[in-house]
Amino acid sequence: MEIRQAVTADAQRIGEVHVRNWQVGLAEYMDPSYLEGITAHAVTMQWLRSLASPIHADTLVAENDDGHVVGLIDFGHNRNELGFEVAEVYGLYVDPDYWNRGIDAELLSAAQLHLAETGFRSAILWTLTENDRRRRFYEDHGWRWDGVNEWHKAGAEVVRYSREL
């Protein structure tokens, strides 16, 4: 497994992993019509624009031994006006065929290290309130619910986790 910086050539596979992760991993928590409306093509186009942008946040990908992207993490400055020293993990996605192999932990660790090295002191992320498996994962990696909840545009409640870097 190799963790590396994403490039525009990764956009299609990133889009596929992103959509597959949502449609398989979040199916029991979100409105099925919302998940059905997410297409790999649309998400790929979003990723292509994002990766090509000069002001893009950081995205790391995990490649398997065959050189295929099987996971990604996207992160940068927080979107909640919490100050310049607080980063945010925008998304952490692993292809369901590669779950339970520690890829998410490797990606999270690499992102945390990068954020700390670039001067961030802490970070936040959002996860679904009802997704106990994911919440345990973050808690096992030093993240803690900080008491903030919101509603995602898909109609599901999300909770904010934070940690020092």
N, C-alpha and C. Protein backbone atom coordinates (compact mmCIF):
# COMPACT_ATOMS: atom_id res chain seq x y z
N MET A 1 0.85 -1.18 0.00
CA MET A 1 0.00 0.00 0.00
C MET A 1 0.89 1.24 0.00
N GLU A 2 0.58 2.17 -0.88
CA GLU A 2 1.32 3.43 -0.93
C GLU A 2 0.34 4.59 -0.73
N ILE A 3 0.74 5.54 0.11
CA ILE A 3 -0.02 6.76 0.32
C ILE A 3 0.73 7.86 -0.43
N ARG A 4 0.01 8.61 -1.28
CA ARG A 4 0.66 9.68 -2.05
C ARG A 4 -0.33 10.81 -2.29
N GLN A 5 0.20 11.93 -2.76
CA GLN A 5 -0.62 13.08 -3.12
C GLN A 5 -1.46 12.73 -4.35
N ALA A 6 -2.72 13.11 -4.33
CA ALA A 6 -3.60 12.87 -5.48
C ALA A 6 -3.23 13.82 -6.62
N VAL A 7 -3.44 13.36 -7.85
CA VAL A 7 -3.24 14.17 -9.05
C VAL A 7 -4.53 14.10 -9.88
N THR A 8 -4.65 14.99 -10.85
CA THR A 8 -5.88 15.04 -11.65
C THR A 8 -6.18 13.71 -12.34
N ALA A 9 -5.16 12.96 -12.69
CA ALA A 9 -5.37 11.66 -13.34
C ALA A 9 -6.09 10.67 -12.43
N ASP A 10 -6.13 10.94 -11.14
CA ASP A 10 -6.81 10.08 -10.17
C ASP A 10 -8.30 10.38 -10.06
N ALA A 11 -8.78 11.45 -10.67
CA ALA A 11 -10.14 11.93 -10.44
C ALA A 11 -11.21 10.87 -10.67
N GLN A 12 -11.10 10.11 -11.75
CA GLN A 12 -12.15 9.12 -12.02
C GLN A 12 -12.20 8.06 -10.94
N ARG A 13 -11.07 7.52 -10.57
CA ARG A 13 -11.07 6.48 -9.55
C ARG A 13 -11.47 7.05 -8.19
N ILE A 14 -11.05 8.28 -7.89
CA ILE A 14 -11.47 8.92 -6.65
C ILE A 14 -12.99 9.07 -6.62
N GLY A 15 -13.56 9.51 -7.73
CA GLY A 15 -15.02 9.64 -7.83
C GLY A 15 -15.73 8.32 -7.61
N GLU A 16 -15.20 7.25 -8.20
CA GLU A 16 -15.80 5.93 -8.04
C GLU A 16 -15.73 5.45 -6.59
N VAL A 17 -14.57 5.63 -5.96
CA VAL A 17 -14.40 5.22 -4.55
C VAL A 17 -15.33 6.03 -3.66
N HIS A 18 -15.38 7.32 -3.89
CA HIS A 18 -16.22 8.22 -3.11
C HIS A 18 -17.69 7.78 -3.16
N VAL A 19 -18.20 7.57 -4.36
CA VAL A 19 -19.62 7.19 -4.53
C VAL A 19 -19.88 5.80 -3.96
N ARG A 20 -19.01 4.86 -4.25
CA ARG A 20 -19.21 3.49 -3.75
C ARG A 20 -19.20 3.48 -2.23
N ASN A 21 -18.30 4.25 -1.63
CA ASN A 21 -18.23 4.32 -0.18
C ASN A 21 -19.53 4.85 0.39
N TRP A 22 -20.06 5.92 -0.19
CA TRP A 22 -21.32 6.49 0.30
C TRP A 22 -22.48 5.52 0.08
N GLN A 23 -22.59 4.94 -1.10
CA GLN A 23 -23.75 4.10 -1.42
C GLN A 23 -23.75 2.78 -0.65
N VAL A 24 -22.59 2.26 -0.34
CA VAL A 24 -22.52 1.01 0.42
C VAL A 24 -22.46 1.29 1.92
N GLY A 25 -21.58 2.21 2.31
CA GLY A 25 -21.33 2.45 3.73
C GLY A 25 -22.37 3.28 4.45
N LEU A 26 -23.11 4.09 3.71
CA LEU A 26 -24.06 4.99 4.37
C LEU A 26 -25.51 4.66 4.06
N ALA A 27 -25.75 3.58 3.35
CA ALA A 27 -27.10 3.22 2.91
C ALA A 27 -28.10 3.11 4.06
N GLU A 28 -27.67 2.60 5.19
CA GLU A 28 -28.61 2.43 6.30
C GLU A 28 -28.88 3.72 7.07
N TYR A 29 -28.11 4.78 6.78
CA TYR A 29 -28.25 6.02 7.53
C TYR A 29 -28.86 7.18 6.75
N MET A 30 -28.88 7.07 5.44
CA MET A 30 -29.30 8.22 4.63
C MET A 30 -30.47 7.87 3.73
N ASP A 31 -31.14 8.91 3.28
CA ASP A 31 -32.27 8.78 2.38
C ASP A 31 -31.83 8.08 1.09
N PRO A 32 -32.43 6.95 0.74
CA PRO A 32 -32.03 6.21 -0.46
C PRO A 32 -32.10 7.06 -1.73
N SER A 33 -33.07 7.95 -1.83
CA SER A 33 -33.18 8.77 -3.04
C SER A 33 -31.99 9.73 -3.16
N TYR A 34 -31.48 10.20 -2.04
CA TYR A 34 -30.29 11.06 -2.07
C TYR A 34 -29.09 10.26 -2.58
N LEU A 35 -28.90 9.06 -2.03
CA LEU A 35 -27.76 8.24 -2.43
C LEU A 35 -27.86 7.78 -3.88
N GLU A 36 -29.07 7.48 -4.34
CA GLU A 36 -29.27 7.08 -5.73
C GLU A 36 -28.95 8.22 -6.69
N GLY A 37 -29.14 9.45 -6.22
CA GLY A 37 -28.89 10.61 -7.07
C GLY A 37 -27.42 10.95 -7.23
N ILE A 38 -26.56 10.32 -6.46
CA ILE A 38 -25.13 10.58 -6.55
C ILE A 38 -24.56 9.66 -7.63
N THR A 39 -23.97 10.24 -8.67
CA THR A 39 -23.40 9.44 -9.75
C THR A 39 -21.88 9.57 -9.76
N ALA A 40 -21.22 8.50 -10.16
CA ALA A 40 -19.76 8.52 -10.25
C ALA A 40 -19.30 9.60 -11.23
N HIS A 41 -20.04 9.78 -12.32
CA HIS A 41 -19.65 10.79 -13.31
C HIS A 41 -19.67 12.18 -12.70
N ALA A 42 -20.74 12.54 -12.02
CA ALA A 42 -20.86 13.87 -11.43
C ALA A 42 -19.80 14.10 -10.36
N VAL A 43 -19.58 13.10 -9.52
CA VAL A 43 -18.58 13.23 -8.46
C VAL A 43 -17.18 13.29 -9.06
N THR A 44 -16.93 12.51 -10.11
CA THR A 44 -15.64 12.56 -10.78
C THR A 44 -15.38 13.96 -11.34
N MET A 45 -16.37 14.57 -11.93
CA MET A 45 -16.21 15.91 -12.48
C MET A 45 -15.92 16.92 -11.36
N GLN A 46 -16.56 16.75 -10.21
CA GLN A 46 -16.27 17.63 -9.07
C GLN A 46 -14.81 17.46 -8.62
N TRP A 47 -14.37 16.21 -8.54
CA TRP A 47 -13.00 15.93 -8.13
C TRP A 47 -12.01 16.45 -9.15
N LEU A 48 -12.31 16.32 -10.42
CA LEU A 48 -11.41 16.81 -11.46
C LEU A 48 -11.23 18.33 -11.33
N ARG A 49 -12.33 19.05 -11.17
CA ARG A 49 -12.25 20.50 -10.98
C ARG A 49 -11.47 20.83 -9.70
N SER A 50 -11.75 20.11 -8.65
CA SER A 50 -11.10 20.38 -7.37
C SER A 50 -9.60 20.12 -7.44
N LEU A 51 -9.21 18.99 -7.99
CA LEU A 51 -7.79 18.64 -8.05
C LEU A 51 -7.02 19.56 -8.99
N ALA A 52 -7.68 20.11 -9.99
CA ALA A 52 -7.03 21.00 -10.95
C ALA A 52 -6.95 22.44 -10.44
N SER A 53 -7.69 22.76 -9.39
CA SER A 53 -7.73 24.13 -8.89
C SER A 53 -6.43 24.49 -8.17
N PRO A 54 -5.93 25.70 -8.40
CA PRO A 54 -4.70 26.11 -7.70
C PRO A 54 -4.92 26.35 -6.20
N ILE A 55 -6.16 26.48 -5.77
CA ILE A 55 -6.43 26.69 -4.35
C ILE A 55 -7.04 25.45 -3.69
N HIS A 56 -6.82 24.30 -4.30
CA HIS A 56 -7.37 23.05 -3.79
C HIS A 56 -6.78 22.68 -2.44
N ALA A 57 -7.62 22.08 -1.61
CA ALA A 57 -7.15 21.50 -0.34
C ALA A 57 -6.28 20.30 -0.68
N ASP A 58 -5.69 19.70 0.32
CA ASP A 58 -4.85 18.52 0.10
C ASP A 58 -5.69 17.26 0.01
N THR A 59 -5.31 16.39 -0.89
CA THR A 59 -5.94 15.08 -1.02
C THR A 59 -4.84 14.04 -1.14
N LEU A 60 -4.90 13.06 -0.27
CA LEU A 60 -3.99 11.92 -0.34
C LEU A 60 -4.79 10.72 -0.80
N VAL A 61 -4.14 9.84 -1.56
CA VAL A 61 -4.78 8.60 -1.98
C VAL A 61 -3.96 7.42 -1.51
N ALA A 62 -4.64 6.30 -1.34
CA ALA A 62 -3.99 5.02 -1.04
C ALA A 62 -4.09 4.17 -2.30
N GLU A 63 -2.95 3.67 -2.75
CA GLU A 63 -2.91 2.79 -3.92
C GLU A 63 -2.60 1.37 -3.46
N ASN A 64 -3.29 0.41 -4.05
CA ASN A 64 -2.96 -0.98 -3.74
C ASN A 64 -1.70 -1.38 -4.51
N ASP A 65 -1.29 -2.62 -4.38
CA ASP A 65 -0.06 -3.08 -5.03
C ASP A 65 -0.14 -3.06 -6.54
N ASP A 66 -1.36 -3.03 -7.10
CA ASP A 66 -1.54 -2.95 -8.55
C ASP A 66 -1.59 -1.51 -9.05
N GLY A 67 -1.42 -0.55 -8.16
CA GLY A 67 -1.43 0.85 -8.55
C GLY A 67 -2.82 1.46 -8.70
N HIS A 68 -3.86 0.80 -8.15
CA HIS A 68 -5.22 1.32 -8.22
C HIS A 68 -5.56 2.09 -6.94
N VAL A 69 -6.18 3.24 -7.10
CA VAL A 69 -6.61 4.02 -5.94
C VAL A 69 -7.74 3.28 -5.25
N VAL A 70 -7.57 3.01 -3.95
CA VAL A 70 -8.58 2.29 -3.18
C VAL A 70 -9.09 3.09 -1.99
N GLY A 71 -8.52 4.27 -1.79
CA GLY A 71 -8.97 5.12 -0.70
C GLY A 71 -8.42 6.52 -0.85
N LEU A 72 -9.04 7.47 -0.13
CA LEU A 72 -8.59 8.85 -0.18
C LEU A 72 -8.99 9.59 1.08
N ILE A 73 -8.26 10.65 1.34
CA ILE A 73 -8.61 11.57 2.42
C ILE A 73 -8.38 12.98 1.89
N ASP A 74 -9.34 13.85 2.16
CA ASP A 74 -9.32 15.23 1.68
C ASP A 74 -9.35 16.14 2.91
N PHE A 75 -8.48 17.13 2.97
CA PHE A 75 -8.36 17.94 4.18
C PHE A 75 -7.76 19.31 3.86
N GLY A 76 -7.96 20.23 4.78
CA GLY A 76 -7.42 21.58 4.62
C GLY A 76 -7.90 22.45 5.75
N HIS A 77 -7.97 23.76 5.48
CA HIS A 77 -8.41 24.71 6.49
C HIS A 77 -9.89 24.48 6.82
N ASN A 78 -10.29 24.68 8.05
CA ASN A 78 -11.67 24.42 8.46
C ASN A 78 -12.64 25.38 7.78
N ARG A 79 -13.86 24.90 7.57
CA ARG A 79 -14.91 25.68 6.92
C ARG A 79 -15.85 26.31 7.95
N ASN A 80 -15.51 26.24 9.23
CA ASN A 80 -16.39 26.71 10.29
C ASN A 80 -15.91 27.98 10.99
N GLU A 81 -15.00 28.71 10.37
CA GLU A 81 -14.49 29.95 10.95
C GLU A 81 -13.96 29.75 12.36
N LEU A 82 -13.17 28.71 12.54
CA LEU A 82 -12.61 28.39 13.85
C LEU A 82 -11.19 28.92 14.02
N GLY A 83 -10.72 29.69 13.07
CA GLY A 83 -9.37 30.24 13.14
C GLY A 83 -8.41 29.52 12.20
N PHE A 84 -7.26 30.17 12.00
CA PHE A 84 -6.29 29.67 11.03
C PHE A 84 -5.50 28.46 11.51
N GLU A 85 -5.55 28.15 12.78
CA GLU A 85 -4.77 27.04 13.30
C GLU A 85 -5.58 25.74 13.39
N VAL A 86 -6.84 25.79 12.93
CA VAL A 86 -7.71 24.62 12.98
C VAL A 86 -7.96 24.10 11.56
N ALA A 87 -7.61 22.86 11.34
CA ALA A 87 -7.81 22.21 10.04
C ALA A 87 -9.12 21.43 10.06
N GLU A 88 -9.47 20.90 8.91
CA GLU A 88 -10.65 20.04 8.82
C GLU A 88 -10.37 18.87 7.87
N VAL A 89 -10.80 17.70 8.28
CA VAL A 89 -10.82 16.55 7.38
C VAL A 89 -12.19 16.58 6.71
N TYR A 90 -12.20 16.82 5.41
CA TYR A 90 -13.46 16.95 4.67
C TYR A 90 -14.07 15.60 4.34
N GLY A 91 -13.23 14.62 4.08
CA GLY A 91 -13.76 13.30 3.74
C GLY A 91 -12.68 12.24 3.80
N LEU A 92 -13.07 11.06 4.21
CA LEU A 92 -12.19 9.89 4.29
C LEU A 92 -12.99 8.73 3.70
N TYR A 93 -12.56 8.24 2.55
CA TYR A 93 -13.32 7.22 1.82
C TYR A 93 -12.41 6.07 1.41
N VAL A 94 -12.87 4.86 1.66
CA VAL A 94 -12.16 3.66 1.23
C VAL A 94 -13.15 2.79 0.47
N ASP A 95 -12.70 2.23 -0.65
CA ASP A 95 -13.54 1.32 -1.42
C ASP A 95 -13.99 0.19 -0.50
N PRO A 96 -15.28 -0.11 -0.45
CA PRO A 96 -15.77 -1.17 0.45
C PRO A 96 -15.07 -2.52 0.26
N ASP A 97 -14.56 -2.80 -0.92
CA ASP A 97 -13.81 -4.05 -1.13
C ASP A 97 -12.50 -4.07 -0.34
N TYR A 98 -12.09 -2.92 0.17
CA TYR A 98 -10.82 -2.80 0.90
C TYR A 98 -11.02 -2.40 2.36
N TRP A 99 -12.24 -2.49 2.84
CA TRP A 99 -12.50 -2.18 4.24
C TRP A 99 -11.81 -3.20 5.13
N ASN A 100 -11.58 -2.81 6.37
CA ASN A 100 -11.01 -3.67 7.42
C ASN A 100 -9.58 -4.11 7.11
N ARG A 101 -8.84 -3.26 6.40
CA ARG A 101 -7.43 -3.54 6.11
C ARG A 101 -6.52 -2.46 6.67
N GLY A 102 -7.11 -1.51 7.41
CA GLY A 102 -6.31 -0.45 8.01
C GLY A 102 -5.98 0.72 7.09
N ILE A 103 -6.56 0.73 5.90
CA ILE A 103 -6.26 1.80 4.94
C ILE A 103 -6.76 3.14 5.46
N ASP A 104 -7.95 3.16 6.05
CA ASP A 104 -8.48 4.41 6.59
C ASP A 104 -7.57 4.96 7.68
N ALA A 105 -7.04 4.08 8.52
CA ALA A 105 -6.14 4.51 9.60
C ALA A 105 -4.84 5.07 9.03
N GLU A 106 -4.32 4.45 7.98
CA GLU A 106 -3.09 4.95 7.36
C GLU A 106 -3.31 6.32 6.74
N LEU A 107 -4.44 6.48 6.05
CA LEU A 107 -4.75 7.77 5.44
C LEU A 107 -4.94 8.85 6.51
N LEU A 108 -5.67 8.54 7.56
CA LEU A 108 -5.90 9.51 8.63
C LEU A 108 -4.59 9.91 9.29
N SER A 109 -3.76 8.96 9.57
CA SER A 109 -2.47 9.24 10.20
C SER A 109 -1.60 10.13 9.30
N ALA A 110 -1.57 9.83 8.01
CA ALA A 110 -0.77 10.63 7.07
C ALA A 110 -1.30 12.05 6.99
N ALA A 111 -2.61 12.21 6.98
CA ALA A 111 -3.20 13.55 6.91
C ALA A 111 -2.90 14.33 8.19
N GLN A 112 -3.04 13.69 9.34
CA GLN A 112 -2.76 14.36 10.62
C GLN A 112 -1.31 14.82 10.67
N LEU A 113 -0.39 13.99 10.22
CA LEU A 113 1.02 14.34 10.22
C LEU A 113 1.26 15.54 9.30
N HIS A 114 0.69 15.50 8.11
CA HIS A 114 0.84 16.60 7.16
C HIS A 114 0.29 17.91 7.74
N LEU A 115 -0.88 17.84 8.35
CA LEU A 115 -1.49 19.04 8.94
C LEU A 115 -0.62 19.61 10.06
N ALA A 116 -0.10 18.74 10.92
CA ALA A 116 0.76 19.20 12.01
C ALA A 116 2.04 19.83 11.46
N GLU A 117 2.62 19.21 10.43
CA GLU A 117 3.85 19.73 9.84
C GLU A 117 3.65 21.07 9.14
N THR A 118 2.42 21.36 8.72
CA THR A 118 2.16 22.62 8.03
C THR A 118 1.63 23.70 8.98
N GLY A 119 1.65 23.44 10.28
CA GLY A 119 1.36 24.47 11.26
C GLY A 119 -0.01 24.44 11.92
N PHE A 120 -0.85 23.51 11.55
CA PHE A 120 -2.15 23.42 12.23
C PHE A 120 -1.94 22.82 13.61
N ARG A 121 -2.70 23.32 14.58
CA ARG A 121 -2.59 22.83 15.95
C ARG A 121 -3.66 21.81 16.31
N SER A 122 -4.80 21.89 15.62
CA SER A 122 -5.89 20.96 15.87
C SER A 122 -6.68 20.79 14.59
N ALA A 123 -7.63 19.84 14.63
CA ALA A 123 -8.45 19.57 13.45
C ALA A 123 -9.84 19.12 13.88
N ILE A 124 -10.78 19.29 12.95
CA ILE A 124 -12.14 18.81 13.15
C ILE A 124 -12.52 17.92 11.99
N LEU A 125 -13.58 17.16 12.18
CA LEU A 125 -14.20 16.39 11.11
C LEU A 125 -15.64 16.14 11.49
N TRP A 126 -16.45 15.77 10.52
CA TRP A 126 -17.86 15.48 10.75
C TRP A 126 -18.14 14.04 10.36
N THR A 127 -19.00 13.39 11.13
CA THR A 127 -19.43 12.04 10.80
C THR A 127 -20.90 11.88 11.21
N LEU A 128 -21.55 10.91 10.63
CA LEU A 128 -22.96 10.69 10.93
C LEU A 128 -23.17 10.29 12.38
N THR A 129 -24.14 10.90 13.01
CA THR A 129 -24.45 10.63 14.42
C THR A 129 -24.72 9.15 14.65
N GLU A 130 -25.47 8.53 13.75
CA GLU A 130 -25.89 7.14 13.94
C GLU A 130 -24.85 6.10 13.55
N ASN A 131 -23.76 6.53 12.92
CA ASN A 131 -22.76 5.58 12.44
C ASN A 131 -21.76 5.25 13.56
N ASP A 132 -22.19 4.35 14.44
CA ASP A 132 -21.37 3.98 15.60
C ASP A 132 -20.02 3.39 15.21
N ARG A 133 -19.98 2.63 14.12
CA ARG A 133 -18.72 2.02 13.68
C ARG A 133 -17.70 3.10 13.36
N ARG A 134 -18.13 4.12 12.63
CA ARG A 134 -17.22 5.19 12.24
C ARG A 134 -16.84 6.05 13.44
N ARG A 135 -17.79 6.30 14.31
CA ARG A 135 -17.49 7.09 15.51
C ARG A 135 -16.45 6.38 16.38
N ARG A 136 -16.59 5.06 16.53
CA ARG A 136 -15.59 4.29 17.30
C ARG A 136 -14.22 4.38 16.65
N PHE A 137 -14.19 4.30 15.30
CA PHE A 137 -12.92 4.41 14.57
C PHE A 137 -12.23 5.72 14.93
N TYR A 138 -12.95 6.83 14.83
CA TYR A 138 -12.33 8.13 15.13
C TYR A 138 -11.91 8.21 16.59
N GLU A 139 -12.75 7.72 17.50
CA GLU A 139 -12.40 7.75 18.92
C GLU A 139 -11.16 6.91 19.20
N ASP A 140 -11.04 5.77 18.53
CA ASP A 140 -9.86 4.91 18.68
C ASP A 140 -8.59 5.60 18.18
N HIS A 141 -8.74 6.63 17.35
CA HIS A 141 -7.60 7.36 16.79
C HIS A 141 -7.44 8.76 17.40
N GLY A 142 -7.99 8.93 18.60
CA GLY A 142 -7.74 10.15 19.36
C GLY A 142 -8.69 11.30 19.13
N TRP A 143 -9.73 11.09 18.35
CA TRP A 143 -10.71 12.14 18.09
C TRP A 143 -11.82 12.05 19.15
N ARG A 144 -12.40 13.20 19.49
CA ARG A 144 -13.47 13.25 20.48
C ARG A 144 -14.61 14.13 19.99
N TRP A 145 -15.83 13.69 20.25
CA TRP A 145 -17.00 14.50 19.94
C TRP A 145 -16.89 15.77 20.77
N ASP A 146 -17.05 16.92 20.13
CA ASP A 146 -16.89 18.19 20.85
C ASP A 146 -18.21 18.87 21.17
N GLY A 147 -19.32 18.14 21.07
CA GLY A 147 -20.61 18.65 21.47
C GLY A 147 -21.40 19.37 20.39
N VAL A 148 -20.88 19.46 19.17
CA VAL A 148 -21.56 20.17 18.09
C VAL A 148 -22.22 19.16 17.15
N ASN A 149 -23.49 19.38 16.87
CA ASN A 149 -24.26 18.57 15.92
C ASN A 149 -24.86 19.49 14.87
N GLU A 150 -25.05 18.99 13.66
CA GLU A 150 -25.70 19.72 12.57
C GLU A 150 -26.48 18.73 11.72
N TRP A 151 -27.24 19.28 10.78
CA TRP A 151 -27.94 18.43 9.82
C TRP A 151 -27.25 18.53 8.47
N HIS A 152 -26.95 17.37 7.89
CA HIS A 152 -26.35 17.30 6.56
C HIS A 152 -27.43 17.54 5.52
N LYS A 153 -27.03 18.04 4.35
CA LYS A 153 -28.01 18.32 3.30
C LYS A 153 -28.77 17.08 2.85
N ALA A 154 -28.26 15.91 3.17
CA ALA A 154 -28.94 14.66 2.82
C ALA A 154 -30.02 14.30 3.84
N GLY A 155 -30.16 15.11 4.88
CA GLY A 155 -31.20 14.86 5.86
C GLY A 155 -30.79 14.00 7.02
N ALA A 156 -29.50 13.81 7.22
CA ALA A 156 -29.00 13.01 8.34
C ALA A 156 -28.24 13.92 9.30
N GLU A 157 -28.33 13.62 10.58
CA GLU A 157 -27.60 14.40 11.57
C GLU A 157 -26.13 13.99 11.58
N VAL A 158 -25.26 14.98 11.69
CA VAL A 158 -23.83 14.73 11.79
C VAL A 158 -23.30 15.35 13.09
N VAL A 159 -22.22 14.78 13.59
CA VAL A 159 -21.56 15.27 14.80
C VAL A 159 -20.13 15.68 14.45
N ARG A 160 -19.65 16.67 15.17
CA ARG A 160 -18.29 17.14 14.92
C ARG A 160 -17.34 16.53 15.95
N TYR A 161 -16.24 16.02 15.43
CA TYR A 161 -15.16 15.50 16.25
C TYR A 161 -13.96 16.41 16.11
N SER A 162 -13.13 16.47 17.14
CA SER A 162 -11.91 17.30 17.08
C SER A 162 -10.77 16.58 17.80
N ARG A 163 -9.58 17.08 17.52
CA ARG A 163 -8.39 16.56 18.21
C ARG A 163 -7.25 17.52 18.02
N GLU A 164 -6.33 17.47 18.97
CA GLU A 164 -5.07 18.21 18.84
C GLU A 164 -4.16 17.42 17.90
N LEU A 165 -3.30 18.13 17.21
CA LEU A 165 -2.40 17.47 16.25
C LEU A 165 -0.99 17.33 16.81
